[in-house]
Amino acid sequence: MECGRRSPIAKTELTQKIEKNLYEYTNKQGTFGCFEVTIGWFGSERVDYITYDTKGTWRCYEIKVSKSDFYSSAKKTFIGHFNYFVMPKELYEQVKDDIPSHVGVITDGKYSIKKAKRQELSIDEKILKDSLIRSLSRDADKLYKSNDPEKLNRMNRRITKAENERNEWRDKYHKLMNIGYAKYGVGWHRE
């Protein structure tokens, strides 16, 4: 398995929205962030989102979208100077008593409702930097490959083929409907 990758799990629309909001919330000059950062070479820990800024501050974000997700046995990787849960406001109301005092909370990916308390890093900073660099490189590689002209051409050909097939089936459908109208009258297909 490649660094920073795990088996693909479809993200819910809510998770995607929270990720987008969190990215916009943290996207400031001098702050560098990445989603799904595996810590260390062949690490077993993964941070949902991590940022590093020009002041040397690391922030880790664990995204939770449901009560079962919050209470799951999945490791919560809080290794930064500041650590946060990112969750819908409704979920926060349900689990707020179980959030450690040093962990902050950001609701809906854009509202800080509980400040995080500064901690010492629980892992060597060089490992964090290396992990962030590998994950950023992975994302850059994905972006580069997604802009591969031949790949885009193949996808465009598939889209054109699908559109042509759709048009053929639509024409056949209309021809059959017209035959039905002529033979059985206007409301023949509703019976």
N, C-alpha and C. Protein backbone atom coordinates (compact mmCIF):
# COMPACT_ATOMS: atom_id res chain seq x y z
N MET A 1 0.85 -1.18 0.00
CA MET A 1 0.00 0.00 0.00
C MET A 1 0.89 1.23 0.00
N GLU A 2 0.57 2.15 -0.83
CA GLU A 2 1.36 3.38 -0.94
C GLU A 2 1.15 4.28 0.27
N CYS A 3 2.18 5.03 0.62
CA CYS A 3 2.08 5.94 1.77
C CYS A 3 0.90 6.88 1.60
N GLY A 4 0.16 7.08 2.67
CA GLY A 4 -0.95 8.03 2.63
C GLY A 4 -2.19 7.50 1.94
N ARG A 5 -2.19 6.18 1.60
CA ARG A 5 -3.37 5.63 0.93
C ARG A 5 -3.94 4.50 1.74
N ARG A 6 -5.23 4.39 1.71
CA ARG A 6 -5.91 3.25 2.29
C ARG A 6 -6.98 2.82 1.31
N SER A 7 -7.60 1.70 1.61
CA SER A 7 -8.62 1.25 0.69
C SER A 7 -9.68 2.34 0.54
N PRO A 8 -10.10 2.59 -0.69
CA PRO A 8 -11.03 3.69 -0.91
C PRO A 8 -12.40 3.42 -0.28
N ILE A 9 -12.84 4.36 0.50
CA ILE A 9 -14.17 4.31 1.10
C ILE A 9 -14.88 5.57 0.62
N ALA A 10 -16.06 5.37 0.11
CA ALA A 10 -16.80 6.53 -0.39
C ALA A 10 -17.13 7.46 0.77
N LYS A 11 -16.81 8.70 0.59
CA LYS A 11 -17.11 9.70 1.62
C LYS A 11 -18.53 10.20 1.43
N THR A 12 -19.19 10.41 2.55
CA THR A 12 -20.55 10.92 2.47
C THR A 12 -20.51 12.38 2.01
N GLU A 13 -21.65 12.83 1.57
CA GLU A 13 -21.77 14.23 1.15
C GLU A 13 -21.45 15.16 2.32
N LEU A 14 -21.88 14.78 3.52
CA LEU A 14 -21.61 15.58 4.71
C LEU A 14 -20.11 15.65 5.00
N THR A 15 -19.42 14.52 4.91
CA THR A 15 -17.97 14.51 5.12
C THR A 15 -17.28 15.41 4.11
N GLN A 16 -17.67 15.32 2.85
CA GLN A 16 -17.07 16.14 1.81
C GLN A 16 -17.32 17.63 2.08
N LYS A 17 -18.51 17.96 2.52
CA LYS A 17 -18.83 19.37 2.82
C LYS A 17 -17.98 19.87 3.99
N ILE A 18 -17.87 19.06 5.04
CA ILE A 18 -17.06 19.45 6.20
C ILE A 18 -15.59 19.61 5.80
N GLU A 19 -15.08 18.69 4.98
CA GLU A 19 -13.69 18.80 4.51
C GLU A 19 -13.48 20.10 3.74
N LYS A 20 -14.41 20.41 2.85
CA LYS A 20 -14.30 21.64 2.06
C LYS A 20 -14.29 22.86 2.98
N ASN A 21 -15.23 22.89 3.93
CA ASN A 21 -15.29 24.01 4.87
C ASN A 21 -14.02 24.10 5.71
N LEU A 22 -13.51 22.97 6.17
CA LEU A 22 -12.30 22.96 6.98
C LEU A 22 -11.11 23.47 6.18
N TYR A 23 -11.01 23.05 4.93
CA TYR A 23 -9.93 23.54 4.08
C TYR A 23 -10.00 25.06 3.96
N GLU A 24 -11.18 25.58 3.69
CA GLU A 24 -11.34 27.03 3.56
C GLU A 24 -11.07 27.74 4.88
N TYR A 25 -11.47 27.14 5.99
CA TYR A 25 -11.28 27.71 7.32
C TYR A 25 -9.79 27.83 7.67
N THR A 26 -8.99 26.85 7.24
CA THR A 26 -7.56 26.82 7.60
C THR A 26 -6.66 27.37 6.51
N ASN A 27 -7.19 27.64 5.34
CA ASN A 27 -6.37 28.06 4.21
C ASN A 27 -5.99 29.53 4.35
N LYS A 28 -4.86 29.75 5.00
CA LYS A 28 -4.36 31.11 5.23
C LYS A 28 -2.91 31.17 4.78
N GLN A 29 -2.47 32.35 4.47
CA GLN A 29 -1.07 32.52 4.08
C GLN A 29 -0.18 32.04 5.23
N GLY A 30 0.81 31.23 4.89
CA GLY A 30 1.73 30.73 5.90
C GLY A 30 1.27 29.46 6.60
N THR A 31 0.12 28.91 6.18
CA THR A 31 -0.37 27.64 6.73
C THR A 31 -0.49 26.64 5.60
N PHE A 32 0.05 25.44 5.85
CA PHE A 32 0.09 24.40 4.83
C PHE A 32 -0.64 23.18 5.37
N GLY A 33 -1.61 22.68 4.63
CA GLY A 33 -2.42 21.57 5.12
C GLY A 33 -2.57 20.46 4.11
N CYS A 34 -2.92 19.27 4.63
CA CYS A 34 -3.14 18.12 3.77
C CYS A 34 -4.10 17.15 4.46
N PHE A 35 -4.97 16.53 3.68
CA PHE A 35 -5.89 15.53 4.18
C PHE A 35 -5.22 14.15 4.16
N GLU A 36 -5.67 13.30 5.06
CA GLU A 36 -5.27 11.89 5.12
C GLU A 36 -3.76 11.71 5.12
N VAL A 37 -3.14 12.17 6.19
CA VAL A 37 -1.69 12.08 6.33
C VAL A 37 -1.35 10.88 7.20
N THR A 38 -0.65 9.91 6.61
CA THR A 38 -0.17 8.76 7.36
C THR A 38 1.10 9.16 8.08
N ILE A 39 1.17 8.88 9.37
CA ILE A 39 2.30 9.30 10.18
C ILE A 39 3.38 8.23 10.15
N GLY A 40 4.57 8.63 9.67
CA GLY A 40 5.72 7.73 9.60
C GLY A 40 5.67 6.84 8.37
N TRP A 41 6.83 6.21 8.08
CA TRP A 41 6.89 5.24 6.99
C TRP A 41 6.09 4.03 7.41
N PHE A 42 5.17 3.57 6.66
CA PHE A 42 4.35 2.41 6.97
C PHE A 42 3.61 2.58 8.30
N GLY A 43 3.26 3.81 8.61
CA GLY A 43 2.60 4.10 9.88
C GLY A 43 1.20 3.52 9.96
N SER A 44 0.78 3.25 11.18
CA SER A 44 -0.56 2.74 11.40
C SER A 44 -1.51 3.85 11.83
N GLU A 45 -0.96 5.05 12.03
CA GLU A 45 -1.80 6.19 12.40
C GLU A 45 -1.98 7.11 11.21
N ARG A 46 -3.17 7.66 11.15
CA ARG A 46 -3.48 8.59 10.08
C ARG A 46 -4.27 9.76 10.66
N VAL A 47 -3.89 10.95 10.27
CA VAL A 47 -4.61 12.16 10.67
C VAL A 47 -5.53 12.53 9.52
N ASP A 48 -6.80 12.80 9.84
CA ASP A 48 -7.75 13.18 8.78
C ASP A 48 -7.28 14.44 8.06
N TYR A 49 -6.78 15.40 8.82
CA TYR A 49 -6.27 16.65 8.23
C TYR A 49 -5.23 17.21 9.18
N ILE A 50 -4.15 17.70 8.63
CA ILE A 50 -3.09 18.26 9.45
C ILE A 50 -2.60 19.56 8.82
N THR A 51 -2.27 20.53 9.66
CA THR A 51 -1.69 21.77 9.15
C THR A 51 -0.39 22.06 9.90
N TYR A 52 0.46 22.77 9.21
CA TYR A 52 1.73 23.23 9.76
C TYR A 52 1.87 24.68 9.31
N ASP A 53 2.27 25.56 10.23
CA ASP A 53 2.40 26.96 9.83
C ASP A 53 3.84 27.45 9.98
N THR A 54 4.07 28.65 9.48
CA THR A 54 5.42 29.20 9.47
C THR A 54 5.95 29.53 10.86
N LYS A 55 5.10 29.45 11.87
CA LYS A 55 5.55 29.63 13.26
C LYS A 55 5.94 28.30 13.88
N GLY A 56 5.84 27.20 13.11
CA GLY A 56 6.21 25.88 13.61
C GLY A 56 5.12 25.19 14.39
N THR A 57 3.87 25.60 14.20
CA THR A 57 2.76 25.02 14.96
C THR A 57 2.06 23.95 14.13
N TRP A 58 1.87 22.79 14.74
CA TRP A 58 1.16 21.67 14.12
C TRP A 58 -0.24 21.57 14.70
N ARG A 59 -1.22 21.41 13.82
CA ARG A 59 -2.61 21.23 14.24
C ARG A 59 -3.15 19.97 13.57
N CYS A 60 -3.79 19.12 14.36
CA CYS A 60 -4.38 17.88 13.84
C CYS A 60 -5.89 17.94 13.99
N TYR A 61 -6.58 17.47 12.97
CA TYR A 61 -8.04 17.52 12.92
C TYR A 61 -8.60 16.12 12.65
N GLU A 62 -9.47 15.67 13.51
CA GLU A 62 -10.17 14.40 13.32
C GLU A 62 -11.62 14.72 12.96
N ILE A 63 -12.06 14.27 11.81
CA ILE A 63 -13.41 14.55 11.32
C ILE A 63 -14.33 13.40 11.75
N LYS A 64 -15.40 13.76 12.41
CA LYS A 64 -16.40 12.79 12.87
C LYS A 64 -17.77 13.30 12.45
N VAL A 65 -18.56 12.44 11.80
CA VAL A 65 -19.85 12.89 11.27
C VAL A 65 -21.04 12.20 11.92
N SER A 66 -20.79 11.21 12.77
CA SER A 66 -21.88 10.52 13.43
C SER A 66 -21.43 10.07 14.81
N LYS A 67 -22.40 9.73 15.64
CA LYS A 67 -22.10 9.27 16.99
C LYS A 67 -21.30 7.96 16.94
N SER A 68 -21.70 7.06 16.06
CA SER A 68 -20.96 5.79 15.94
C SER A 68 -19.54 6.03 15.45
N ASP A 69 -19.37 7.00 14.58
CA ASP A 69 -18.03 7.38 14.10
C ASP A 69 -17.20 7.93 15.25
N PHE A 70 -17.80 8.77 16.07
CA PHE A 70 -17.09 9.37 17.20
C PHE A 70 -16.65 8.30 18.20
N TYR A 71 -17.52 7.34 18.47
CA TYR A 71 -17.23 6.32 19.48
C TYR A 71 -16.57 5.07 18.90
N SER A 72 -16.26 5.08 17.61
CA SER A 72 -15.66 3.89 16.99
C SER A 72 -14.27 3.63 17.58
N SER A 73 -13.78 2.44 17.30
CA SER A 73 -12.46 2.05 17.82
C SER A 73 -11.33 2.62 16.96
N ALA A 74 -11.67 3.31 15.88
CA ALA A 74 -10.63 3.91 15.03
C ALA A 74 -9.80 4.89 15.85
N LYS A 75 -8.51 4.83 15.66
CA LYS A 75 -7.61 5.66 16.44
C LYS A 75 -7.84 7.14 16.12
N LYS A 76 -7.81 7.94 17.16
CA LYS A 76 -7.91 9.38 17.00
C LYS A 76 -6.49 9.92 17.16
N THR A 77 -5.93 10.38 16.06
CA THR A 77 -4.52 10.76 16.05
C THR A 77 -4.36 12.22 16.45
N PHE A 78 -4.21 12.44 17.74
CA PHE A 78 -4.01 13.77 18.29
C PHE A 78 -2.54 13.89 18.70
N ILE A 79 -1.70 14.27 17.74
CA ILE A 79 -0.26 14.34 17.98
C ILE A 79 0.30 15.74 17.80
N GLY A 80 -0.56 16.70 17.49
CA GLY A 80 -0.11 18.06 17.22
C GLY A 80 -0.02 18.92 18.46
N HIS A 81 0.44 20.15 18.25
CA HIS A 81 0.43 21.13 19.34
C HIS A 81 -1.01 21.44 19.75
N PHE A 82 -1.88 21.52 18.73
CA PHE A 82 -3.30 21.77 18.95
C PHE A 82 -4.07 20.69 18.20
N ASN A 83 -5.07 20.13 18.84
CA ASN A 83 -5.83 19.02 18.27
C ASN A 83 -7.32 19.33 18.33
N TYR A 84 -8.03 18.93 17.27
CA TYR A 84 -9.44 19.31 17.15
C TYR A 84 -10.29 18.14 16.65
N PHE A 85 -11.52 18.10 17.15
CA PHE A 85 -12.56 17.33 16.50
C PHE A 85 -13.27 18.29 15.57
N VAL A 86 -13.64 17.81 14.39
CA VAL A 86 -14.42 18.59 13.44
C VAL A 86 -15.68 17.78 13.19
N MET A 87 -16.84 18.37 13.49
CA MET A 87 -18.09 17.61 13.46
C MET A 87 -19.28 18.53 13.27
N PRO A 88 -20.41 17.94 12.89
CA PRO A 88 -21.64 18.73 12.83
C PRO A 88 -22.02 19.22 14.22
N LYS A 89 -22.65 20.37 14.29
CA LYS A 89 -23.07 20.95 15.58
C LYS A 89 -23.96 20.00 16.36
N GLU A 90 -24.87 19.31 15.67
CA GLU A 90 -25.78 18.38 16.34
C GLU A 90 -25.00 17.27 17.03
N LEU A 91 -23.95 16.77 16.39
CA LEU A 91 -23.14 15.71 16.98
C LEU A 91 -22.40 16.24 18.21
N TYR A 92 -21.88 17.45 18.11
CA TYR A 92 -21.18 18.04 19.26
C TYR A 92 -22.10 18.05 20.48
N GLU A 93 -23.35 18.43 20.31
CA GLU A 93 -24.29 18.49 21.44
C GLU A 93 -24.46 17.10 22.07
N GLN A 94 -24.35 16.05 21.28
CA GLN A 94 -24.53 14.69 21.78
C GLN A 94 -23.29 14.14 22.49
N VAL A 95 -22.09 14.59 22.10
CA VAL A 95 -20.85 13.97 22.60
C VAL A 95 -19.96 14.92 23.39
N LYS A 96 -20.38 16.15 23.60
CA LYS A 96 -19.50 17.17 24.19
C LYS A 96 -18.92 16.77 25.54
N ASP A 97 -19.63 15.98 26.32
CA ASP A 97 -19.12 15.59 27.63
C ASP A 97 -18.00 14.55 27.53
N ASP A 98 -17.83 13.95 26.36
CA ASP A 98 -16.81 12.93 26.18
C ASP A 98 -15.59 13.44 25.41
N ILE A 99 -15.51 14.73 25.19
CA ILE A 99 -14.37 15.32 24.49
C ILE A 99 -13.33 15.73 25.53
N PRO A 100 -12.09 15.25 25.39
CA PRO A 100 -11.04 15.62 26.34
C PRO A 100 -10.88 17.14 26.44
N SER A 101 -10.51 17.62 27.62
CA SER A 101 -10.45 19.06 27.87
C SER A 101 -9.44 19.79 26.98
N HIS A 102 -8.38 19.10 26.55
CA HIS A 102 -7.35 19.76 25.74
C HIS A 102 -7.68 19.77 24.24
N VAL A 103 -8.73 19.05 23.83
CA VAL A 103 -9.09 18.94 22.42
C VAL A 103 -10.14 19.99 22.08
N GLY A 104 -9.88 20.77 21.02
CA GLY A 104 -10.82 21.78 20.56
C GLY A 104 -11.88 21.18 19.66
N VAL A 105 -12.89 21.98 19.35
CA VAL A 105 -13.98 21.52 18.48
C VAL A 105 -14.29 22.60 17.46
N ILE A 106 -14.39 22.18 16.22
CA ILE A 106 -14.82 23.04 15.12
C ILE A 106 -16.07 22.39 14.54
N THR A 107 -17.18 23.11 14.55
CA THR A 107 -18.41 22.53 14.02
C THR A 107 -18.59 22.92 12.56
N ASP A 108 -19.10 21.95 11.82
CA ASP A 108 -19.40 22.12 10.39
C ASP A 108 -18.17 22.54 9.58
N GLY A 109 -16.99 22.37 10.14
CA GLY A 109 -15.76 22.69 9.43
C GLY A 109 -15.42 24.17 9.40
N LYS A 110 -16.24 25.01 10.10
CA LYS A 110 -15.95 26.44 9.98
C LYS A 110 -16.22 27.27 11.23
N TYR A 111 -16.73 26.67 12.31
CA TYR A 111 -17.01 27.43 13.52
C TYR A 111 -16.26 26.83 14.70
N SER A 112 -15.33 27.59 15.25
CA SER A 112 -14.60 27.13 16.43
C SER A 112 -15.48 27.38 17.65
N ILE A 113 -15.90 26.30 18.32
CA ILE A 113 -16.77 26.47 19.48
C ILE A 113 -16.10 26.02 20.78
N LYS A 114 -14.92 25.42 20.65
CA LYS A 114 -14.15 25.03 21.82
C LYS A 114 -12.68 25.12 21.46
N LYS A 115 -11.94 25.92 22.20
CA LYS A 115 -10.53 26.12 21.90
C LYS A 115 -9.71 24.91 22.35
N ALA A 116 -8.71 24.60 21.55
CA ALA A 116 -7.76 23.53 21.92
C ALA A 116 -6.69 24.13 22.82
N LYS A 117 -6.18 23.30 23.72
CA LYS A 117 -5.08 23.73 24.58
C LYS A 117 -3.78 23.18 24.01
N ARG A 118 -2.75 24.01 24.04
CA ARG A 118 -1.46 23.64 23.48
C ARG A 118 -0.87 22.44 24.22
N GLN A 119 -0.34 21.50 23.45
CA GLN A 119 0.30 20.29 23.96
C GLN A 119 1.71 20.20 23.39
N GLU A 120 2.54 19.43 24.02
CA GLU A 120 3.83 19.09 23.43
C GLU A 120 3.57 18.08 22.32
N LEU A 121 4.40 18.13 21.29
CA LEU A 121 4.24 17.14 20.22
C LEU A 121 4.47 15.76 20.81
N SER A 122 3.65 14.81 20.41
CA SER A 122 3.82 13.45 20.92
C SER A 122 4.62 12.58 19.96
N ILE A 123 5.18 13.21 18.95
CA ILE A 123 6.00 12.50 17.97
C ILE A 123 7.07 13.46 17.47
N ASP A 124 8.18 12.93 17.02
CA ASP A 124 9.28 13.76 16.55
C ASP A 124 8.83 14.64 15.37
N GLU A 125 9.19 15.91 15.42
CA GLU A 125 8.75 16.85 14.39
C GLU A 125 9.26 16.46 13.00
N LYS A 126 10.42 15.86 12.90
CA LYS A 126 10.94 15.43 11.60
C LYS A 126 10.02 14.38 10.97
N ILE A 127 9.50 13.49 11.79
CA ILE A 127 8.56 12.48 11.28
C ILE A 127 7.30 13.16 10.76
N LEU A 128 6.82 14.17 11.49
CA LEU A 128 5.63 14.91 11.03
C LEU A 128 5.90 15.60 9.69
N LYS A 129 7.06 16.26 9.60
CA LYS A 129 7.38 16.96 8.34
C LYS A 129 7.50 15.98 7.19
N ASP A 130 8.21 14.87 7.42
CA ASP A 130 8.34 13.87 6.36
C ASP A 130 6.98 13.33 5.93
N SER A 131 6.11 13.08 6.91
CA SER A 131 4.78 12.54 6.62
C SER A 131 3.95 13.55 5.82
N LEU A 132 4.02 14.81 6.22
CA LEU A 132 3.29 15.85 5.49
C LEU A 132 3.82 15.98 4.06
N ILE A 133 5.12 15.97 3.89
CA ILE A 133 5.72 16.10 2.55
C ILE A 133 5.29 14.93 1.67
N ARG A 134 5.34 13.70 2.19
CA ARG A 134 4.92 12.54 1.38
C ARG A 134 3.46 12.68 0.96
N SER A 135 2.61 13.10 1.89
CA SER A 135 1.18 13.21 1.56
C SER A 135 0.91 14.35 0.58
N LEU A 136 1.60 15.46 0.73
CA LEU A 136 1.46 16.55 -0.24
C LEU A 136 1.95 16.11 -1.62
N SER A 137 3.02 15.34 -1.65
CA SER A 137 3.53 14.82 -2.91
C SER A 137 2.51 13.88 -3.55
N ARG A 138 1.87 13.04 -2.74
CA ARG A 138 0.83 12.14 -3.23
C ARG A 138 -0.29 12.94 -3.88
N ASP A 139 -0.73 14.01 -3.19
CA ASP A 139 -1.81 14.83 -3.73
C ASP A 139 -1.40 15.55 -5.01
N ALA A 140 -0.15 16.03 -5.05
CA ALA A 140 0.34 16.68 -6.26
C ALA A 140 0.39 15.69 -7.42
N ASP A 141 0.80 14.45 -7.12
CA ASP A 141 0.85 13.41 -8.14
C ASP A 141 -0.55 13.11 -8.69
N LYS A 142 -1.54 13.04 -7.80
CA LYS A 142 -2.93 12.82 -8.23
C LYS A 142 -3.39 13.95 -9.14
N LEU A 143 -3.09 15.17 -8.75
CA LEU A 143 -3.50 16.33 -9.54
C LEU A 143 -2.82 16.30 -10.91
N TYR A 144 -1.53 16.01 -10.92
CA TYR A 144 -0.79 15.95 -12.19
C TYR A 144 -1.39 14.89 -13.10
N LYS A 145 -1.65 13.70 -12.54
CA LYS A 145 -2.21 12.62 -13.35
C LYS A 145 -3.62 12.93 -13.82
N SER A 146 -4.38 13.68 -13.03
CA SER A 146 -5.73 14.02 -13.44
C SER A 146 -5.73 14.99 -14.61
N ASN A 147 -4.63 15.68 -14.80
CA ASN A 147 -4.52 16.62 -15.92
C ASN A 147 -3.81 16.00 -17.12
N ASP A 148 -3.64 14.68 -17.10
CA ASP A 148 -3.01 13.95 -18.20
C ASP A 148 -3.89 14.10 -19.44
N PRO A 149 -3.37 14.75 -20.50
CA PRO A 149 -4.20 15.00 -21.69
C PRO A 149 -4.77 13.72 -22.29
N GLU A 150 -3.99 12.63 -22.33
CA GLU A 150 -4.50 11.40 -22.92
C GLU A 150 -5.63 10.82 -22.08
N LYS A 151 -5.49 10.89 -20.77
CA LYS A 151 -6.57 10.42 -19.89
C LYS A 151 -7.82 11.25 -20.11
N LEU A 152 -7.66 12.56 -20.22
CA LEU A 152 -8.81 13.44 -20.48
C LEU A 152 -9.44 13.12 -21.83
N ASN A 153 -8.60 12.86 -22.84
CA ASN A 153 -9.13 12.51 -24.17
C ASN A 153 -9.94 11.21 -24.10
N ARG A 154 -9.42 10.19 -23.37
CA ARG A 154 -10.15 8.93 -23.24
C ARG A 154 -11.50 9.16 -22.57
N MET A 155 -11.49 9.95 -21.50
CA MET A 155 -12.74 10.22 -20.80
C MET A 155 -13.72 11.00 -21.69
N ASN A 156 -13.22 11.96 -22.45
CA ASN A 156 -14.08 12.72 -23.35
C ASN A 156 -14.67 11.83 -24.44
N ARG A 157 -13.86 10.87 -24.94
CA ARG A 157 -14.38 9.92 -25.94
C ARG A 157 -15.49 9.07 -25.33
N ARG A 158 -15.31 8.62 -24.08
CA ARG A 158 -16.33 7.82 -23.41
C ARG A 158 -17.61 8.64 -23.20
N ILE A 159 -17.44 9.90 -22.84
CA ILE A 159 -18.61 10.77 -22.64
C ILE A 159 -19.36 10.96 -23.95
N THR A 160 -18.63 11.22 -25.04
CA THR A 160 -19.25 11.40 -26.36
C THR A 160 -19.99 10.14 -26.79
N LYS A 161 -19.37 8.98 -26.56
CA LYS A 161 -20.01 7.71 -26.92
C LYS A 161 -21.30 7.52 -26.11
N ALA A 162 -21.25 7.80 -24.82
CA ALA A 162 -22.43 7.66 -23.96
C ALA A 162 -23.53 8.63 -24.39
N GLU A 163 -23.15 9.86 -24.75
CA GLU A 163 -24.15 10.84 -25.20
C GLU A 163 -24.79 10.37 -26.51
N ASN A 164 -23.99 9.83 -27.42
CA ASN A 164 -24.53 9.34 -28.70
C ASN A 164 -25.50 8.18 -28.46
N GLU A 165 -25.12 7.26 -27.58
CA GLU A 165 -26.01 6.14 -27.26
C GLU A 165 -27.31 6.65 -26.64
N ARG A 166 -27.20 7.61 -25.73
CA ARG A 166 -28.39 8.19 -25.10
C ARG A 166 -29.31 8.79 -26.17
N ASN A 167 -28.72 9.53 -27.13
CA ASN A 167 -29.52 10.16 -28.19
C ASN A 167 -30.20 9.11 -29.07
N GLU A 168 -29.50 8.01 -29.37
CA GLU A 168 -30.10 6.94 -30.17
C GLU A 168 -31.30 6.33 -29.44
N TRP A 169 -31.13 6.04 -28.15
CA TRP A 169 -32.22 5.45 -27.37
C TRP A 169 -33.39 6.42 -27.23
N ARG A 170 -33.08 7.70 -27.07
CA ARG A 170 -34.14 8.70 -26.97
C ARG A 170 -34.93 8.76 -28.28
N ASP A 171 -34.23 8.71 -29.43
CA ASP A 171 -34.91 8.72 -30.73
C ASP A 171 -35.80 7.48 -30.90
N LYS A 172 -35.28 6.32 -30.48
CA LYS A 172 -36.08 5.09 -30.57
C LYS A 172 -37.31 5.19 -29.68
N TYR A 173 -37.14 5.72 -28.49
CA TYR A 173 -38.26 5.89 -27.57
C TYR A 173 -39.34 6.78 -28.19
N HIS A 174 -38.93 7.91 -28.76
CA HIS A 174 -39.90 8.83 -29.37
C HIS A 174 -40.61 8.18 -30.56
N LYS A 175 -39.89 7.41 -31.36
CA LYS A 175 -40.53 6.72 -32.49
C LYS A 175 -41.59 5.74 -32.00
N LEU A 176 -41.24 4.97 -30.94
CA LEU A 176 -42.21 4.02 -30.39
C LEU A 176 -43.41 4.74 -29.79
N MET A 177 -43.16 5.84 -29.10
CA MET A 177 -44.27 6.60 -28.52
C MET A 177 -45.20 7.11 -29.63
N ASN A 178 -44.62 7.59 -30.73
CA ASN A 178 -45.44 8.09 -31.84
C ASN A 178 -46.26 6.98 -32.48
N ILE A 179 -45.67 5.78 -32.58
CA ILE A 179 -46.42 4.63 -33.11
C ILE A 179 -47.61 4.33 -32.19
N GLY A 180 -47.34 4.35 -30.87
CA GLY A 180 -48.41 4.09 -29.90
C GLY A 180 -49.51 5.13 -29.96
N TYR A 181 -49.14 6.41 -30.10
CA TYR A 181 -50.15 7.48 -30.23
C TYR A 181 -51.01 7.25 -31.46
N ALA A 182 -50.34 6.94 -32.58
CA ALA A 182 -51.08 6.76 -33.83
C ALA A 182 -52.03 5.58 -33.76
N LYS A 183 -51.59 4.51 -33.11
CA LYS A 183 -52.39 3.30 -33.11
C LYS A 183 -53.44 3.27 -32.00
N TYR A 184 -53.09 3.80 -30.78
CA TYR A 184 -53.97 3.65 -29.62
C TYR A 184 -54.47 4.96 -29.01
N GLY A 185 -54.02 6.09 -29.50
CA GLY A 185 -54.48 7.35 -28.96
C GLY A 185 -53.46 7.96 -27.97
N VAL A 186 -53.79 9.18 -27.53
CA VAL A 186 -52.85 9.97 -26.71
C VAL A 186 -52.47 9.32 -25.39
N GLY A 187 -53.39 8.79 -24.64
CA GLY A 187 -53.07 8.29 -23.29
C GLY A 187 -52.76 6.81 -23.25
N TRP A 188 -52.39 6.20 -24.37
CA TRP A 188 -52.22 4.75 -24.44
C TRP A 188 -51.16 4.21 -23.48
N HIS A 189 -50.13 4.98 -23.20
CA HIS A 189 -49.00 4.48 -22.38
C HIS A 189 -49.27 4.57 -20.88
N ARG A 190 -50.38 5.19 -20.47
CA ARG A 190 -50.67 5.36 -19.05
C ARG A 190 -51.50 4.21 -18.48
N GLU A 191 -51.96 3.34 -19.33
CA GLU A 191 -52.85 2.26 -18.88
C GLU A 191 -52.10 1.14 -18.25
